[in-house]
Amino acid sequence: MWGALTAVIGVLFVVWGRAESDFVVYRLLAARSRILWGDGVHNFYQVVGIILIVVGVLIAVFGS
């Protein structure tokens, strides 16, 4: 269950980062991250989303 939830959050990050979403939660996260990442904040969230998908799948497959 936790692995699937983690993977779904990863998919959301990839989609939001790709679309440069105006969803409130994403805007808040992006505003905080923009301090460090500047204009690359959307690419950052796409990479983080891919990492979360991989971790979520690993948790789902190998988790107990």
C-alpha atoms as a PDB file:
ATOM      1  CA  MET A   1       0.000   0.000   0.000  1.00  0.00           C
ATOM      2  CA  TRP A   2       2.738   2.511   0.941  1.00  0.00           C
ATOM      3  CA  GLY A   3       4.705   1.717  -2.179  1.00  0.00           C
ATOM      4  CA  ALA A   4       1.710   2.381  -4.401  1.00  0.00           C
ATOM      5  CA  LEU A   5       0.997   5.652  -2.582  1.00  0.00           C
ATOM      6  CA  THR A   6       4.617   6.747  -2.996  1.00  0.00           C
ATOM      7  CA  ALA A   7       4.514   5.911  -6.708  1.00  0.00           C
ATOM      8  CA  VAL A   8       1.264   7.858  -7.171  1.00  0.00           C
ATOM      9  CA  ILE A   9       2.802  10.922  -5.517  1.00  0.00           C
ATOM     10  CA  GLY A  10       5.770  10.513  -7.874  1.00  0.00           C
ATOM     11  CA  VAL A  11       3.448  10.435 -10.875  1.00  0.00           C
ATOM     12  CA  LEU A  12       1.747  13.606  -9.635  1.00  0.00           C
ATOM     13  CA  PHE A  13       5.107  15.358  -9.288  1.00  0.00           C
ATOM     14  CA  VAL A  14       6.099  14.365 -12.824  1.00  0.00           C
ATOM     15  CA  VAL A  15       2.773  15.527 -14.278  1.00  0.00           C
ATOM     16  CA  TRP A  16       2.723  18.779 -12.296  1.00  0.00           C
ATOM     17  CA  GLY A  17       6.342  19.541 -13.136  1.00  0.00           C
ATOM     18  CA  ARG A  18       5.819  18.789 -16.804  1.00  0.00           C
ATOM     19  CA  ALA A  19       2.711  20.966 -17.045  1.00  0.00           C
ATOM     20  CA  GLU A  20       4.063  23.651 -14.683  1.00  0.00           C
ATOM     21  CA  SER A  21       0.765  23.233 -12.882  1.00  0.00           C
ATOM     22  CA  ASP A  22      -1.189  25.970 -11.113  1.00  0.00           C
ATOM     23  CA  PHE A  23      -2.497  23.524  -8.489  1.00  0.00           C
ATOM     24  CA  VAL A  24      -2.229  25.131  -5.052  1.00  0.00           C
ATOM     25  CA  VAL A  25      -0.116  22.406  -3.430  1.00  0.00           C
ATOM     26  CA  TYR A  26       2.335  22.363  -6.330  1.00  0.00           C
ATOM     27  CA  ARG A  27       2.601  26.164  -6.370  1.00  0.00           C
ATOM     28  CA  LEU A  28       3.474  26.168  -2.670  1.00  0.00           C
ATOM     29  CA  LEU A  29       6.104  23.451  -3.108  1.00  0.00           C
ATOM     30  CA  ALA A  30       7.551  25.135  -6.195  1.00  0.00           C
ATOM     31  CA  ALA A  31       7.714  28.523  -4.485  1.00  0.00           C
ATOM     32  CA  ARG A  32       9.762  27.051  -1.640  1.00  0.00           C
ATOM     33  CA  SER A  33      12.031  25.151  -4.015  1.00  0.00           C
ATOM     34  CA  ARG A  34      12.510  28.095  -6.357  1.00  0.00           C
ATOM     35  CA  ILE A  35      14.794  29.696  -3.749  1.00  0.00           C
ATOM     36  CA  LEU A  36      17.363  26.957  -4.311  1.00  0.00           C
ATOM     37  CA  TRP A  37      16.610  25.762  -7.861  1.00  0.00           C
ATOM     38  CA  GLY A  38      15.592  28.999  -9.581  1.00  0.00           C
ATOM     39  CA  ASP A  39      14.030  28.496 -12.994  1.00  0.00           C
ATOM     40  CA  GLY A  40      14.892  24.768 -12.939  1.00  0.00           C
ATOM     41  CA  VAL A  41      12.311  24.054 -10.255  1.00  0.00           C
ATOM     42  CA  HIS A  42       9.952  22.257 -12.656  1.00  0.00           C
ATOM     43  CA  ASN A  43      12.726  20.002 -13.935  1.00  0.00           C
ATOM     44  CA  PHE A  44      13.681  19.326 -10.323  1.00  0.00           C
ATOM     45  CA  TYR A  45      10.163  18.101  -9.538  1.00  0.00           C
ATOM     46  CA  GLN A  46      10.134  15.892 -12.630  1.00  0.00           C
ATOM     47  CA  VAL A  47      13.357  14.207 -11.486  1.00  0.00           C
ATOM     48  CA  VAL A  48      12.062  13.891  -7.921  1.00  0.00           C
ATOM     49  CA  GLY A  49       8.855  12.359  -9.279  1.00  0.00           C
ATOM     50  CA  ILE A  50      10.780   9.743 -11.245  1.00  0.00           C
ATOM     51  CA  ILE A  51      12.836   8.899  -8.165  1.00  0.00           C
ATOM     52  CA  LEU A  52       9.653   8.576  -6.074  1.00  0.00           C
ATOM     53  CA  ILE A  53       8.117   6.253  -8.673  1.00  0.00           C
ATOM     54  CA  VAL A  54      11.183   3.994  -8.572  1.00  0.00           C
ATOM     55  CA  VAL A  55      11.287   4.001  -4.764  1.00  0.00           C
ATOM     56  CA  GLY A  56       7.538   3.330  -4.600  1.00  0.00           C
ATOM     57  CA  VAL A  57       7.836   0.347  -6.924  1.00  0.00           C
ATOM     58  CA  LEU A  58      10.769  -1.006  -4.915  1.00  0.00           C
ATOM     59  CA  ILE A  59       8.789  -0.635  -1.678  1.00  0.00           C
ATOM     60  CA  ALA A  60       5.788  -2.356  -3.248  1.00  0.00           C
ATOM     61  CA  VAL A  61       7.870  -5.258  -4.559  1.00  0.00           C
ATOM     62  CA  PHE A  62      10.380  -5.788  -1.758  1.00  0.00           C
ATOM     63  CA  GLY A  63       8.626  -4.209   1.231  1.00  0.00           C
ATOM     64  CA  SER A  64       7.243  -6.413   3.926  1.00  0.00           C
END
